[in-house]
N, C-alpha and C. Protein backbone atom coordinates (compact mmCIF):
# COMPACT_ATOMS: atom_id res chain seq x y z
N UNK A 1 0.83 -1.18 0.00
CA UNK A 1 0.00 0.00 0.00
C UNK A 1 0.88 1.25 0.00
N UNK A 2 1.96 1.21 0.75
CA UNK A 2 2.82 2.40 0.80
C UNK A 2 3.51 2.62 -0.54
N UNK A 3 3.77 1.53 -1.29
CA UNK A 3 4.38 1.69 -2.62
C UNK A 3 3.43 2.46 -3.54
N UNK A 4 2.14 2.13 -3.41
CA UNK A 4 1.14 2.80 -4.22
C UNK A 4 1.11 4.29 -3.90
N UNK A 5 1.19 4.61 -2.60
CA UNK A 5 1.16 6.01 -2.21
C UNK A 5 2.40 6.75 -2.67
N UNK A 6 3.54 6.08 -2.59
CA UNK A 6 4.78 6.73 -3.03
C UNK A 6 4.75 7.00 -4.53
N UNK A 7 4.13 6.09 -5.27
CA UNK A 7 4.02 6.29 -6.71
C UNK A 7 3.11 7.46 -7.04
N UNK A 8 2.15 7.72 -6.16
CA UNK A 8 1.20 8.81 -6.40
C UNK A 8 1.76 10.16 -5.99
N UNK A 9 2.97 10.18 -5.42
CA UNK A 9 3.54 11.46 -5.01
C UNK A 9 3.81 12.37 -6.20
N UNK A 10 3.94 11.76 -7.35
CA UNK A 10 4.17 12.57 -8.56
C UNK A 10 2.85 13.24 -8.91
N UNK A 11 2.79 14.49 -8.59
CA UNK A 11 1.57 15.23 -8.87
C UNK A 11 1.56 15.66 -10.33
N UNK A 12 0.40 15.64 -10.83
CA UNK A 12 0.25 16.11 -12.20
C UNK A 12 -0.22 17.56 -12.14
N UNK A 13 0.06 18.33 -13.17
CA UNK A 13 -0.33 19.74 -13.15
C UNK A 13 -1.85 19.92 -13.08
N UNK A 14 -2.60 18.90 -13.47
CA UNK A 14 -4.06 19.03 -13.49
C UNK A 14 -4.71 18.69 -12.16
N UNK A 15 -3.89 18.24 -11.16
CA UNK A 15 -4.46 17.88 -9.86
C UNK A 15 -5.05 19.11 -9.19
N UNK A 16 -6.24 18.92 -8.67
CA UNK A 16 -6.86 20.03 -7.95
C UNK A 16 -6.30 20.08 -6.52
N UNK A 17 -6.62 21.15 -5.85
CA UNK A 17 -6.16 21.31 -4.48
C UNK A 17 -6.75 20.20 -3.60
N UNK A 18 -7.99 19.81 -3.85
CA UNK A 18 -8.64 18.76 -3.10
C UNK A 18 -7.90 17.43 -3.25
N UNK A 19 -7.52 17.08 -4.45
CA UNK A 19 -6.80 15.83 -4.71
C UNK A 19 -5.45 15.85 -4.00
N UNK A 20 -4.77 16.98 -4.04
CA UNK A 20 -3.48 17.10 -3.36
C UNK A 20 -3.65 16.94 -1.85
N UNK A 21 -4.69 17.57 -1.30
CA UNK A 21 -4.95 17.44 0.14
C UNK A 21 -5.29 16.00 0.52
N UNK A 22 -6.07 15.35 -0.31
CA UNK A 22 -6.45 13.96 -0.03
C UNK A 22 -5.22 13.05 -0.06
N UNK A 23 -4.34 13.24 -1.03
CA UNK A 23 -3.12 12.44 -1.11
C UNK A 23 -2.26 12.65 0.15
N UNK A 24 -2.15 13.89 0.57
CA UNK A 24 -1.35 14.20 1.76
C UNK A 24 -1.98 13.54 3.00
N UNK A 25 -3.30 13.61 3.13
CA UNK A 25 -3.99 13.01 4.27
C UNK A 25 -3.83 11.48 4.28
N UNK A 26 -3.95 10.90 3.10
CA UNK A 26 -3.77 9.44 2.99
C UNK A 26 -2.37 9.04 3.42
N UNK A 27 -1.40 9.80 2.98
CA UNK A 27 -0.01 9.53 3.34
C UNK A 27 0.19 9.66 4.85
N UNK A 28 -0.35 10.74 5.45
CA UNK A 28 -0.24 10.95 6.89
C UNK A 28 -0.94 9.84 7.68
N UNK A 29 -2.13 9.47 7.25
CA UNK A 29 -2.88 8.42 7.94
C UNK A 29 -2.20 7.06 7.82
N UNK A 30 -1.61 6.80 6.67
CA UNK A 30 -0.89 5.55 6.49
C UNK A 30 0.31 5.48 7.42
N UNK A 31 1.02 6.59 7.55
CA UNK A 31 2.17 6.62 8.45
C UNK A 31 1.72 6.43 9.90
N UNK A 32 0.62 7.09 10.30
CA UNK A 32 0.11 6.94 11.65
C UNK A 32 -0.34 5.50 11.92
N UNK A 33 -0.95 4.88 10.93
CA UNK A 33 -1.40 3.49 11.08
C UNK A 33 -0.20 2.56 11.27
N UNK A 34 0.84 2.77 10.50
CA UNK A 34 2.06 1.96 10.63
C UNK A 34 2.69 2.16 12.01
N UNK A 35 2.74 3.41 12.47
CA UNK A 35 3.29 3.70 13.80
C UNK A 35 2.45 3.03 14.89
N UNK A 36 1.14 3.11 14.76
CA UNK A 36 0.25 2.49 15.75
C UNK A 36 0.42 0.97 15.75
N UNK A 37 0.54 0.39 14.59
CA UNK A 37 0.73 -1.06 14.49
C UNK A 37 2.05 -1.48 15.13
N UNK A 38 3.09 -0.71 14.88
CA UNK A 38 4.41 -1.00 15.46
C UNK A 38 4.34 -0.90 16.98
N UNK A 39 3.69 0.14 17.48
CA UNK A 39 3.56 0.33 18.93
C UNK A 39 2.75 -0.81 19.55
N UNK A 40 1.66 -1.19 18.90
CA UNK A 40 0.82 -2.28 19.42
C UNK A 40 1.61 -3.58 19.48
N UNK A 41 2.41 -3.85 18.47
CA UNK A 41 3.23 -5.06 18.45
C UNK A 41 4.25 -5.04 19.58
N UNK A 42 4.88 -3.89 19.80
CA UNK A 42 5.85 -3.77 20.90
C UNK A 42 5.17 -3.97 22.25
N UNK A 43 3.99 -3.35 22.43
CA UNK A 43 3.27 -3.48 23.69
C UNK A 43 2.81 -4.92 23.93
N UNK A 44 2.36 -5.57 22.88
CA UNK A 44 1.93 -6.95 23.00
C UNK A 44 3.10 -7.83 23.44
N UNK A 45 4.26 -7.58 22.88
CA UNK A 45 5.46 -8.34 23.27
C UNK A 45 5.83 -8.08 24.72
N UNK A 46 5.73 -6.84 25.15
CA UNK A 46 6.06 -6.48 26.53
C UNK A 46 5.08 -7.13 27.51
N UNK A 47 3.80 -7.09 27.18
CA UNK A 47 2.78 -7.69 28.05
C UNK A 47 2.98 -9.20 28.11
N UNK A 48 3.27 -9.82 26.97
CA UNK A 48 3.50 -11.27 26.94
C UNK A 48 4.69 -11.64 27.81
N UNK A 49 5.77 -10.88 27.68
CA UNK A 49 6.98 -11.16 28.46
C UNK A 49 6.68 -11.05 29.95
N UNK A 50 5.97 -10.00 30.33
CA UNK A 50 5.64 -9.79 31.74
C UNK A 50 4.73 -10.89 32.26
N UNK A 51 3.74 -11.29 31.46
CA UNK A 51 2.83 -12.36 31.86
C UNK A 51 3.59 -13.66 32.07
N UNK A 52 4.47 -13.99 31.11
CA UNK A 52 5.27 -15.21 31.24
C UNK A 52 6.12 -15.18 32.50
N UNK A 53 6.77 -14.05 32.75
CA UNK A 53 7.62 -13.92 33.94
C UNK A 53 6.81 -14.10 35.22
N UNK A 54 5.63 -13.47 35.27
CA UNK A 54 4.81 -13.57 36.47
C UNK A 54 4.33 -14.99 36.72
N UNK A 55 3.83 -15.65 35.68
CA UNK A 55 3.31 -17.01 35.85
C UNK A 55 4.44 -17.97 36.20
N UNK A 56 5.55 -17.89 35.47
CA UNK A 56 6.66 -18.81 35.73
C UNK A 56 7.23 -18.59 37.13
N UNK A 57 7.37 -17.34 37.53
CA UNK A 57 7.90 -17.04 38.87
C UNK A 57 6.96 -17.55 39.95
N UNK A 58 5.65 -17.33 39.75
CA UNK A 58 4.69 -17.78 40.76
C UNK A 58 4.67 -19.29 40.91
N UNK A 59 5.03 -20.00 39.85
CA UNK A 59 5.04 -21.46 39.89
C UNK A 59 6.43 -22.01 40.22
N UNK A 60 7.39 -21.11 40.42
CA UNK A 60 8.74 -21.54 40.76
C UNK A 60 9.48 -22.17 39.61
N UNK A 61 9.16 -21.75 38.40
CA UNK A 61 9.76 -22.32 37.19
C UNK A 61 10.86 -21.38 36.69
N UNK A 62 11.96 -21.95 36.21
CA UNK A 62 13.06 -21.17 35.66
C UNK A 62 12.54 -20.32 34.50
N UNK A 63 12.92 -19.05 34.48
CA UNK A 63 12.42 -18.12 33.45
C UNK A 63 12.89 -18.48 32.05
N UNK A 64 13.92 -19.29 31.92
CA UNK A 64 14.40 -19.70 30.60
C UNK A 64 13.37 -20.56 29.86
N UNK A 65 12.45 -21.16 30.59
CA UNK A 65 11.39 -21.97 29.97
C UNK A 65 10.52 -21.10 29.06
N UNK A 66 10.46 -19.80 29.34
CA UNK A 66 9.65 -18.88 28.53
C UNK A 66 10.07 -18.93 27.06
N UNK A 67 11.33 -19.22 26.80
CA UNK A 67 11.81 -19.29 25.41
C UNK A 67 11.17 -20.42 24.62
N UNK A 68 10.60 -21.40 25.32
CA UNK A 68 10.03 -22.56 24.65
C UNK A 68 8.51 -22.52 24.56
N UNK A 69 7.91 -21.54 25.19
CA UNK A 69 6.44 -21.43 25.15
C UNK A 69 6.05 -20.78 23.83
N UNK A 70 5.21 -21.44 23.03
CA UNK A 70 4.84 -20.91 21.72
C UNK A 70 4.20 -19.52 21.80
N UNK A 71 4.38 -18.76 20.77
CA UNK A 71 3.88 -17.37 20.75
C UNK A 71 2.36 -17.30 20.74
N UNK A 72 1.68 -18.37 20.35
CA UNK A 72 0.22 -18.33 20.33
C UNK A 72 -0.39 -18.61 21.71
N UNK A 73 0.44 -18.96 22.70
CA UNK A 73 -0.03 -19.17 24.06
C UNK A 73 -0.07 -17.81 24.75
N UNK A 74 -1.27 -17.39 25.15
CA UNK A 74 -1.42 -16.05 25.72
C UNK A 74 -2.18 -16.11 27.04
N UNK A 75 -1.91 -15.15 27.89
CA UNK A 75 -2.63 -15.00 29.15
C UNK A 75 -2.19 -15.98 30.21
N UNK A 76 -2.56 -15.67 31.45
CA UNK A 76 -2.20 -16.52 32.59
C UNK A 76 -2.74 -17.94 32.41
N UNK A 77 -4.00 -18.04 32.01
CA UNK A 77 -4.62 -19.35 31.86
C UNK A 77 -3.94 -20.16 30.77
N UNK A 78 -3.60 -19.52 29.67
CA UNK A 78 -2.95 -20.22 28.57
C UNK A 78 -1.58 -20.74 28.97
N UNK A 79 -0.81 -19.92 29.67
CA UNK A 79 0.53 -20.33 30.11
C UNK A 79 0.42 -21.46 31.12
N UNK A 80 -0.52 -21.33 32.06
CA UNK A 80 -0.71 -22.38 33.06
C UNK A 80 -1.11 -23.69 32.40
N UNK A 81 -2.01 -23.62 31.44
CA UNK A 81 -2.45 -24.82 30.73
C UNK A 81 -1.28 -25.44 29.97
N UNK A 82 -0.45 -24.62 29.33
CA UNK A 82 0.70 -25.12 28.59
C UNK A 82 1.68 -25.79 29.55
N UNK A 83 1.92 -25.17 30.71
CA UNK A 83 2.82 -25.77 31.71
C UNK A 83 2.27 -27.11 32.21
N UNK A 84 0.95 -27.18 32.40
CA UNK A 84 0.35 -28.44 32.84
C UNK A 84 0.58 -29.54 31.80
N UNK A 85 0.49 -29.15 30.53
CA UNK A 85 0.61 -30.13 29.45
C UNK A 85 2.06 -30.50 29.15
N UNK A 86 2.97 -29.52 29.13
CA UNK A 86 4.34 -29.78 28.69
C UNK A 86 5.40 -29.60 29.79
N UNK A 87 4.98 -29.24 30.98
CA UNK A 87 5.93 -28.97 32.06
C UNK A 87 6.82 -30.14 32.41
N UNK A 88 6.31 -31.37 32.26
CA UNK A 88 7.12 -32.54 32.61
C UNK A 88 8.36 -32.65 31.74
N UNK A 89 8.32 -32.10 30.54
CA UNK A 89 9.49 -32.11 29.65
C UNK A 89 10.64 -31.32 30.28
N UNK A 90 10.29 -30.31 31.06
CA UNK A 90 11.29 -29.44 31.69
C UNK A 90 11.51 -29.80 33.16
N UNK A 91 10.94 -30.93 33.58
CA UNK A 91 11.11 -31.37 34.96
C UNK A 91 10.25 -30.60 35.94
N UNK A 92 9.18 -30.00 35.46
CA UNK A 92 8.28 -29.23 36.31
C UNK A 92 7.25 -30.20 36.88
N UNK A 93 7.19 -30.27 38.20
CA UNK A 93 6.24 -31.15 38.86
C UNK A 93 4.89 -30.47 38.91
N UNK A 94 3.85 -31.25 38.74
CA UNK A 94 2.50 -30.73 38.86
C UNK A 94 2.20 -30.54 40.33
N UNK A 95 1.81 -29.35 40.71
CA UNK A 95 1.51 -29.04 42.10
C UNK A 95 0.04 -28.68 42.20
N UNK A 96 -0.59 -29.28 43.17
CA UNK A 96 -1.99 -28.96 43.44
C UNK A 96 -2.02 -27.54 44.00
N UNK A 97 -2.79 -26.65 43.37
CA UNK A 97 -2.84 -25.25 43.79
C UNK A 97 -3.32 -25.09 45.23
N UNK A 98 -4.04 -26.10 45.74
CA UNK A 98 -4.53 -26.01 47.11
C UNK A 98 -3.48 -26.46 48.11
N UNK A 99 -2.38 -27.04 47.62
CA UNK A 99 -1.32 -27.50 48.49
C UNK A 99 -0.36 -26.37 48.78
N UNK A 100 -0.13 -26.07 50.06
CA UNK A 100 0.84 -25.01 50.38
C UNK A 100 2.22 -25.39 49.87
N UNK A 101 2.96 -24.40 49.44
CA UNK A 101 4.27 -24.62 48.86
C UNK A 101 5.20 -25.28 49.88
N UNK A 102 5.94 -26.29 49.45
CA UNK A 102 6.92 -26.95 50.29
C UNK A 102 6.37 -28.09 51.12
N UNK A 103 5.08 -28.39 50.99
CA UNK A 103 4.51 -29.49 51.77
C UNK A 103 4.49 -30.76 50.94
N UNK A 104 4.89 -31.85 51.55
CA UNK A 104 4.84 -33.14 50.88
C UNK A 104 3.42 -33.67 50.92
N UNK A 105 3.10 -34.66 50.08
CA UNK A 105 1.75 -35.24 50.13
C UNK A 105 1.41 -35.82 51.50
N UNK A 106 2.42 -36.37 52.19
CA UNK A 106 2.19 -36.91 53.53
C UNK A 106 1.81 -35.79 54.50
N UNK A 107 2.51 -34.66 54.40
CA UNK A 107 2.21 -33.52 55.26
C UNK A 107 0.80 -33.00 55.00
N UNK A 108 0.43 -32.97 53.73
CA UNK A 108 -0.91 -32.51 53.37
C UNK A 108 -1.96 -33.44 53.96
N UNK A 109 -1.73 -34.75 53.87
CA UNK A 109 -2.68 -35.72 54.42
C UNK A 109 -2.80 -35.54 55.93
N UNK A 110 -1.67 -35.33 56.60
CA UNK A 110 -1.69 -35.13 58.05
C UNK A 110 -2.44 -33.85 58.40
N UNK A 111 -2.19 -32.80 57.64
CA UNK A 111 -2.88 -31.53 57.90
C UNK A 111 -4.38 -31.68 57.71
N UNK A 112 -4.77 -32.46 56.71
CA UNK A 112 -6.21 -32.68 56.49
C UNK A 112 -6.82 -33.49 57.64
N UNK A 113 -6.05 -34.45 58.15
CA UNK A 113 -6.55 -35.20 59.30
C UNK A 113 -6.72 -34.29 60.51
N UNK A 114 -5.74 -33.43 60.72
CA UNK A 114 -5.82 -32.49 61.84
C UNK A 114 -7.02 -31.57 61.66
N UNK A 115 -7.20 -31.09 60.42
CA UNK A 115 -8.33 -30.20 60.16
C UNK A 115 -9.65 -30.92 60.40
N UNK A 116 -9.73 -32.16 59.96
CA UNK A 116 -10.96 -32.93 60.16
C UNK A 116 -11.22 -33.13 61.65
N UNK A 117 -10.15 -33.38 62.39
CA UNK A 117 -10.30 -33.58 63.83
C UNK A 117 -10.72 -32.29 64.51
N UNK A 118 -10.18 -31.19 64.05
CA UNK A 118 -10.46 -29.92 64.73
C UNK A 118 -11.83 -29.35 64.37
N UNK A 119 -12.43 -29.81 63.30
CA UNK A 119 -13.75 -29.29 62.94
C UNK A 119 -14.87 -30.06 63.60
N UNK A 120 -14.52 -31.14 64.31
CA UNK A 120 -15.53 -31.93 65.02
C UNK A 120 -16.01 -31.18 66.24
N UNK A 121 -16.89 -31.82 67.00
CA UNK A 121 -17.44 -31.21 68.20
C UNK A 121 -16.54 -31.50 69.39
N UNK A 122 -15.36 -30.94 69.40
CA UNK A 122 -14.45 -31.12 70.52
C UNK A 122 -14.76 -30.09 71.60
N UNK A 123 -14.88 -30.59 72.79
CA UNK A 123 -15.03 -29.67 73.92
C UNK A 123 -13.66 -29.11 74.24
N UNK A 124 -13.59 -28.01 74.96
CA UNK A 124 -12.28 -27.44 75.30
C UNK A 124 -11.40 -28.44 76.05
N UNK A 125 -11.99 -29.26 76.91
CA UNK A 125 -11.21 -30.26 77.65
C UNK A 125 -10.64 -31.31 76.70
N UNK A 126 -11.47 -31.79 75.78
CA UNK A 126 -11.01 -32.79 74.81
C UNK A 126 -9.93 -32.19 73.91
N UNK A 127 -10.12 -30.94 73.55
CA UNK A 127 -9.13 -30.27 72.69
C UNK A 127 -7.77 -30.20 73.40
N UNK A 128 -7.77 -29.80 74.66
CA UNK A 128 -6.51 -29.72 75.43
C UNK A 128 -5.89 -31.11 75.55
N UNK A 129 -6.73 -32.10 75.78
CA UNK A 129 -6.25 -33.49 75.90
C UNK A 129 -5.60 -33.93 74.58
N UNK A 130 -6.26 -33.62 73.45
CA UNK A 130 -5.71 -33.97 72.14
C UNK A 130 -4.41 -33.21 71.89
N UNK A 131 -4.39 -31.94 72.21
CA UNK A 131 -3.20 -31.13 72.00
C UNK A 131 -2.02 -31.67 72.80
N UNK A 132 -2.26 -32.04 74.03
CA UNK A 132 -1.20 -32.60 74.88
C UNK A 132 -0.71 -33.92 74.30
N UNK A 133 -1.62 -34.76 73.87
CA UNK A 133 -1.24 -36.05 73.29
C UNK A 133 -0.42 -35.84 72.00
N UNK A 134 -0.79 -34.84 71.21
CA UNK A 134 -0.04 -34.56 69.97
C UNK A 134 1.36 -34.05 70.28
N UNK A 135 1.48 -33.22 71.29
CA UNK A 135 2.80 -32.68 71.64
C UNK A 135 3.71 -33.76 72.23
N UNK A 136 3.10 -34.73 72.90
CA UNK A 136 3.88 -35.80 73.53
C UNK A 136 4.22 -36.92 72.56
N UNK A 137 3.63 -36.89 71.37
CA UNK A 137 3.92 -37.93 70.38
C UNK A 137 5.39 -37.83 69.97
N UNK A 138 6.04 -39.00 69.89
CA UNK A 138 7.47 -39.01 69.56
C UNK A 138 7.74 -39.50 68.14
N UNK A 139 6.72 -39.96 67.46
CA UNK A 139 6.91 -40.42 66.09
C UNK A 139 5.69 -40.07 65.26
N UNK A 140 5.84 -40.19 63.99
CA UNK A 140 4.74 -39.90 63.08
C UNK A 140 3.58 -40.87 63.32
N UNK A 141 3.91 -42.12 63.60
CA UNK A 141 2.87 -43.12 63.85
C UNK A 141 2.05 -42.78 65.09
N UNK A 142 2.73 -42.34 66.14
CA UNK A 142 2.01 -41.95 67.36
C UNK A 142 1.11 -40.74 67.09
N UNK A 143 1.64 -39.79 66.33
CA UNK A 143 0.85 -38.61 66.00
C UNK A 143 -0.38 -39.00 65.18
N UNK A 144 -0.19 -39.88 64.20
CA UNK A 144 -1.32 -40.35 63.39
C UNK A 144 -2.36 -41.06 64.26
N UNK A 145 -1.88 -41.83 65.22
CA UNK A 145 -2.80 -42.55 66.12
C UNK A 145 -3.62 -41.56 66.96
N UNK A 146 -2.97 -40.52 67.45
CA UNK A 146 -3.68 -39.51 68.24
C UNK A 146 -4.73 -38.82 67.38
N UNK A 147 -4.34 -38.47 66.16
CA UNK A 147 -5.28 -37.79 65.27
C UNK A 147 -6.48 -38.67 64.97
N UNK A 148 -6.22 -39.95 64.70
CA UNK A 148 -7.33 -40.87 64.42
C UNK A 148 -8.22 -41.04 65.65
N UNK A 149 -7.61 -41.08 66.81
CA UNK A 149 -8.37 -41.27 68.05
C UNK A 149 -9.37 -40.14 68.25
N UNK A 150 -9.00 -38.94 67.89
CA UNK A 150 -9.88 -37.80 68.14
C UNK A 150 -10.68 -37.38 66.90
N UNK A 151 -10.58 -38.13 65.84
CA UNK A 151 -11.32 -37.79 64.61
C UNK A 151 -12.75 -38.24 64.72
């Protein structure tokens, strides 16, 4: 399109003032459109980079993985879905979003048992008794037994 406009720069002596003004406006608008398109492309790249950095950082993934995420993957949901699908290739473990960071599956199970026990109808005396028994437990098995006893 710009080649066409450049070819039309050769004004003929018969061109009216209106035609000359229209050619100038078309040229100005074309330049503005190109500038806007360039700016939009730059902004899109910046937003994509920031989104990738935020999602990867929040998931504890090395930022270098961003180089392998296809350009058509966009937004937090898209990046998360891509990581769920291809993360194992990069050694990324699938983490349950409801699991606190750094907790093993065994710890999560124990925490759920404790939560289940604590949501029951424990009287203050029973609660103190359970708390004392939990503090006095010397092994994981003893702790599990106390939790089951009061569940």
